[in-house]
Amino acid sequence: MRTALVTGASRGIGRAIALRLARDGIRVGVHYGRNDAAARRTVGEIEAAGGQAFALKADLGDPVEALWAAYDEVADGLDILVNNAAIGKHQPLAEVTPEWFDRLFAVNAKAPFFLVQQAVPRLRDGGRIINIGSGVTRIAFPQDTAYSMTKGALQTLTLALAKELGPRRITVNTVAPGIIDTEMNDWLADPEAARAAAAYSVFDQIGQPAEVADVVAFVASDDARWVTGQTVDATGGSQL
């Protein structure tokens, strides 16, 4: 059985990814930061459906060694790493403080870098690294420039890693969602804002976490063994 670690997997897109990978017969490490109840629900839902999962609690603003130590206690080796965990909020340039900028990069860019660094010795040949990026690297998004910068860093990481790890048949790709209906986007509760967000997509709809998870599942599958170093746009054709 293959084993995956999905960061930020207790809610939102990460939860949908964990559920989808488990449905494909993959044992899933459900990383989370604070919400014990949400992590238990995700693991419980996977197990109730006949899958296998385990929860791992860690703050990605801290060094990642603790997360890997906990992982090694319950898993031997790794096949799939999904760097999904991220923070962000709509904040224009003038309102960004140095403290928030540092926190954004610590969680959204620094943590994935060092998670990968320590994942590589654990990854089996033919494994997968999947970074969850964002459509904001393709579409100008001045509502949150700092957040957009962190996602651009992930795309650069994807390119370099794909070349470095290619000799081991490890693929590295970015999946870039658009506006997705999650708790992180609580501003979608405003009907007017939701209508405007839906209009970004050619489908005139707001994306759902499962729609991103299905794309991740493909990239994680053997069918995608010849795809690496790519950013797969999963924005529903936003602002084409």
Protein backbone atom coordinates (compact mmCIF):
# COMPACT_ATOMS: atom_id res chain seq x y z
CA MET A 1 0.00 0.00 0.00
CA ARG A 2 1.31 3.44 -0.92
CA THR A 3 1.53 6.09 1.79
CA ALA A 4 0.86 9.81 1.41
CA LEU A 5 1.38 12.81 3.65
CA VAL A 6 -1.05 15.66 3.02
CA THR A 7 -0.41 18.89 4.92
CA GLY A 8 -3.37 20.94 6.10
CA ALA A 9 -5.62 17.92 5.59
CA SER A 10 -8.21 18.36 8.33
CA ARG A 11 -10.36 20.83 6.38
CA GLY A 12 -10.97 22.37 2.98
CA ILE A 13 -8.95 21.33 -0.05
CA GLY A 14 -6.53 19.26 2.04
CA ARG A 15 -9.37 17.23 3.54
CA ALA A 16 -10.83 16.57 0.09
CA ILE A 17 -7.40 15.45 -1.13
CA ALA A 18 -6.97 13.09 1.82
CA LEU A 19 -10.40 11.54 1.24
CA ARG A 20 -9.78 11.14 -2.50
CA LEU A 21 -6.36 9.54 -2.11
CA ALA A 22 -7.72 7.16 0.53
CA ARG A 23 -10.48 6.18 -1.89
CA ASP A 24 -7.71 5.20 -4.31
CA GLY A 25 -6.30 2.78 -1.74
CA ILE A 26 -3.55 5.03 -0.39
CA ARG A 27 -2.78 5.22 3.34
CA VAL A 28 -2.97 8.91 4.26
CA GLY A 29 -1.13 10.92 6.89
CA VAL A 30 -3.53 13.71 7.80
CA HIS A 31 -1.43 16.67 8.94
CA TYR A 32 -3.14 19.52 10.78
CA GLY A 33 -2.19 22.54 12.83
CA ARG A 34 -4.69 23.08 15.63
CA ASN A 35 -8.17 21.63 15.07
CA ASP A 36 -8.07 18.20 16.73
CA ALA A 37 -11.78 17.57 16.17
CA ALA A 38 -11.56 18.30 12.43
CA ALA A 39 -8.56 15.97 12.06
CA ARG A 40 -10.40 13.19 13.92
CA ARG A 41 -13.39 13.64 11.61
CA THR A 42 -11.22 13.35 8.50
CA VAL A 43 -9.46 10.23 9.76
CA GLY A 44 -12.76 8.77 10.95
CA GLU A 45 -14.43 9.31 7.59
CA ILE A 46 -11.55 7.62 5.78
CA GLU A 47 -11.64 4.64 8.13
CA ALA A 48 -15.43 4.37 7.97
CA ALA A 49 -15.12 4.02 4.19
CA GLY A 50 -12.59 1.19 4.61
CA GLY A 51 -9.44 3.26 4.13
CA GLN A 52 -6.39 3.81 6.31
CA ALA A 53 -5.28 7.11 7.82
CA PHE A 54 -3.42 8.61 10.75
CA ALA A 55 -3.32 12.16 12.14
CA LEU A 56 -0.18 14.26 12.66
CA LYS A 57 -0.31 17.57 14.53
CA ALA A 58 2.34 20.23 13.87
CA ASP A 59 2.62 23.99 13.39
CA LEU A 60 4.33 24.54 10.04
CA GLY A 61 5.64 27.86 11.30
CA ASP A 62 8.00 25.76 13.45
CA PRO A 63 10.87 23.52 12.28
CA VAL A 64 9.51 20.48 10.42
CA GLU A 65 11.68 17.90 12.20
CA ALA A 66 8.93 17.27 14.76
CA LEU A 67 6.43 16.44 12.04
CA TRP A 68 8.76 13.94 10.40
CA ALA A 69 9.63 12.37 13.75
CA ALA A 70 5.93 11.78 14.40
CA TYR A 71 5.49 10.45 10.86
CA ASP A 72 8.34 7.95 11.25
CA GLU A 73 6.67 6.48 14.33
CA VAL A 74 3.67 5.31 12.30
CA ALA A 75 4.94 4.94 8.71
CA ASP A 76 7.91 3.39 6.96
CA GLY A 77 8.79 5.34 3.85
CA LEU A 78 6.74 7.72 1.73
CA ASP A 79 5.22 7.64 -1.75
CA ILE A 80 3.32 10.93 -2.06
CA LEU A 81 3.86 14.33 -0.44
CA VAL A 82 1.15 16.95 -0.95
CA ASN A 83 2.17 20.42 0.21
CA ASN A 84 -1.29 21.87 0.69
CA ALA A 85 -1.21 23.77 4.00
CA ALA A 86 -1.23 27.53 3.57
CA ILE A 87 -2.44 30.71 5.21
CA GLY A 88 -3.65 33.93 3.65
CA LYS A 89 -6.16 36.73 3.81
CA HIS A 90 -7.18 39.52 1.48
CA GLN A 91 -4.74 42.25 2.37
CA PRO A 92 -3.62 44.99 -0.01
CA LEU A 93 0.00 46.06 -0.22
CA ALA A 94 -0.34 49.03 2.14
CA GLU A 95 -1.70 46.87 4.98
CA VAL A 96 0.92 44.10 5.01
CA THR A 97 3.15 44.18 8.09
CA PRO A 98 6.64 42.66 8.22
CA GLU A 99 5.38 40.22 10.85
CA TRP A 100 2.55 38.94 8.65
CA PHE A 101 4.83 38.78 5.60
CA ASP A 102 7.29 36.62 7.54
CA ARG A 103 4.50 34.35 8.80
CA LEU A 104 3.12 33.92 5.27
CA PHE A 105 6.47 32.87 3.89
CA ALA A 106 7.24 30.64 6.88
CA VAL A 107 4.09 28.57 6.37
CA ASN A 108 3.51 28.83 2.60
CA ALA A 109 7.06 28.67 1.23
CA LYS A 110 9.69 27.85 3.87
CA ALA A 111 7.78 24.90 5.35
CA PRO A 112 7.20 23.18 1.98
CA PHE A 113 10.88 23.63 1.09
CA PHE A 114 12.11 21.94 4.26
CA LEU A 115 9.34 19.34 4.21
CA VAL A 116 10.59 18.33 0.77
CA GLN A 117 14.23 18.43 1.89
CA GLN A 118 13.47 15.89 4.60
CA ALA A 119 10.95 13.94 2.51
CA VAL A 120 13.45 13.11 -0.24
CA PRO A 121 15.37 10.46 1.78
CA ARG A 122 12.02 8.89 2.72
CA LEU A 123 10.48 9.00 -0.76
CA ARG A 124 10.54 5.78 -2.67
CA ASP A 125 11.65 5.86 -6.31
CA GLY A 126 8.71 6.66 -8.56
CA GLY A 127 7.11 8.81 -5.87
CA ARG A 128 5.18 12.04 -6.17
CA ILE A 129 5.56 15.57 -4.82
CA ILE A 130 2.52 17.77 -5.43
CA ASN A 131 2.52 21.43 -4.45
CA ILE A 132 -0.82 23.21 -4.16
CA GLY A 133 -0.31 26.57 -5.81
CA SER A 134 -2.90 29.09 -6.90
CA GLY A 135 -4.35 30.78 -9.93
CA VAL A 136 -2.96 34.05 -8.52
CA THR A 137 0.39 33.20 -10.15
CA ARG A 138 -1.31 33.48 -13.56
CA ILE A 139 -3.83 36.23 -12.82
CA ALA A 140 -2.83 39.55 -11.26
CA PHE A 141 -4.29 39.60 -7.75
CA PRO A 142 -3.39 42.85 -5.96
CA GLN A 143 -5.90 42.02 -3.23
CA ASP A 144 -3.17 39.84 -1.70
CA THR A 145 0.22 40.41 -3.30
CA ALA A 146 2.24 38.82 -0.48
CA TYR A 147 0.22 35.60 -0.62
CA SER A 148 0.63 35.51 -4.40
CA MET A 149 4.39 35.76 -3.97
CA THR A 150 4.45 32.66 -1.75
CA LYS A 151 2.61 30.64 -4.40
CA GLY A 152 5.04 31.85 -7.06
CA ALA A 153 7.85 30.50 -4.89
CA LEU A 154 6.19 27.07 -4.89
CA GLN A 155 6.10 27.02 -8.68
CA THR A 156 9.83 27.76 -8.81
CA LEU A 157 10.44 24.98 -6.29
CA THR A 158 8.45 22.59 -8.48
CA LEU A 159 10.62 23.27 -11.54
CA ALA A 160 13.93 22.81 -9.75
CA LEU A 161 12.85 19.67 -7.90
CA ALA A 162 11.43 18.05 -11.03
CA LYS A 163 14.84 18.21 -12.66
CA GLU A 164 16.75 17.17 -9.55
CA LEU A 165 14.54 14.17 -8.75
CA GLY A 166 13.87 13.03 -12.32
CA PRO A 167 16.62 10.38 -12.27
CA ARG A 168 14.66 8.64 -9.49
CA ARG A 169 11.41 8.80 -11.50
CA ILE A 170 9.93 11.07 -8.82
CA THR A 171 7.55 13.55 -10.42
CA VAL A 172 7.04 17.04 -9.04
CA ASN A 173 4.08 19.17 -10.08
CA THR A 174 1.96 22.10 -8.94
CA VAL A 175 -1.84 22.02 -8.97
CA ALA A 176 -3.19 25.59 -9.04
CA PRO A 177 -6.79 26.04 -7.84
CA GLY A 178 -8.91 29.12 -8.39
CA ILE A 179 -11.50 30.40 -5.93
CA ILE A 180 -12.69 27.40 -3.93
CA ASP A 181 -15.56 27.21 -1.46
CA THR A 182 -13.67 26.59 1.80
CA GLU A 183 -13.59 28.03 5.31
CA MET A 184 -10.50 30.00 4.35
CA ASN A 185 -12.67 31.90 1.85
CA ASP A 186 -15.36 32.82 4.36
CA TRP A 187 -15.95 36.06 2.43
CA LEU A 188 -17.95 33.94 -0.03
CA ALA A 189 -20.80 34.03 2.49
CA ASP A 190 -21.61 37.45 1.04
CA PRO A 191 -23.96 36.67 -1.91
CA GLU A 192 -22.66 39.57 -3.97
CA ALA A 193 -19.06 38.52 -3.45
CA ALA A 194 -19.97 34.93 -4.30
CA ARG A 195 -21.59 35.99 -7.58
CA ALA A 196 -18.52 38.02 -8.51
CA ALA A 197 -16.25 35.08 -7.67
CA ALA A 198 -18.32 32.67 -9.74
CA ALA A 199 -18.05 35.00 -12.73
CA TYR A 200 -14.26 34.46 -12.83
CA SER A 201 -14.79 30.90 -14.10
CA VAL A 202 -16.02 30.03 -17.58
CA PHE A 203 -18.52 27.76 -15.82
CA ASP A 204 -19.92 30.69 -13.79
CA GLN A 205 -19.46 28.63 -10.63
CA ILE A 206 -17.31 28.62 -7.51
CA GLY A 207 -15.01 25.61 -7.35
CA GLN A 208 -15.47 22.84 -4.80
CA PRO A 209 -12.62 21.13 -2.90
CA ALA A 210 -13.39 17.75 -4.50
CA GLU A 211 -12.77 19.22 -7.96
CA VAL A 212 -9.21 20.10 -6.97
CA ALA A 213 -8.74 16.77 -5.19
CA ASP A 214 -9.61 14.86 -8.37
CA VAL A 215 -6.85 16.68 -10.25
CA VAL A 216 -4.37 15.92 -7.45
CA ALA A 217 -5.39 12.26 -7.55
CA PHE A 218 -4.58 12.12 -11.25
CA VAL A 219 -1.16 13.74 -10.76
CA ALA A 220 -0.50 11.26 -7.93
CA SER A 221 -1.48 8.27 -10.06
CA ASP A 222 0.66 6.10 -12.31
CA ASP A 223 -1.23 7.57 -15.27
CA ALA A 224 0.70 10.82 -14.69
CA ARG A 225 4.13 9.18 -14.60
CA TRP A 226 5.26 11.21 -17.68
CA VAL A 227 4.09 14.57 -16.29
CA THR A 228 6.59 16.54 -14.23
CA GLY A 229 7.71 20.12 -13.66
CA GLN A 230 4.25 21.36 -14.61
CA THR A 231 1.63 23.68 -13.16
CA VAL A 232 -1.79 22.16 -13.75
CA ASP A 233 -4.40 24.91 -13.86
CA ALA A 234 -7.46 23.90 -11.84
CA THR A 235 -9.20 27.28 -11.80
CA GLY A 236 -12.23 26.33 -13.85
CA GLY A 237 -10.95 28.50 -16.68
CA SER A 238 -10.82 31.62 -14.54
CA GLN A 239 -10.22 34.81 -16.52
CA LEU A 240 -9.22 33.07 -19.72
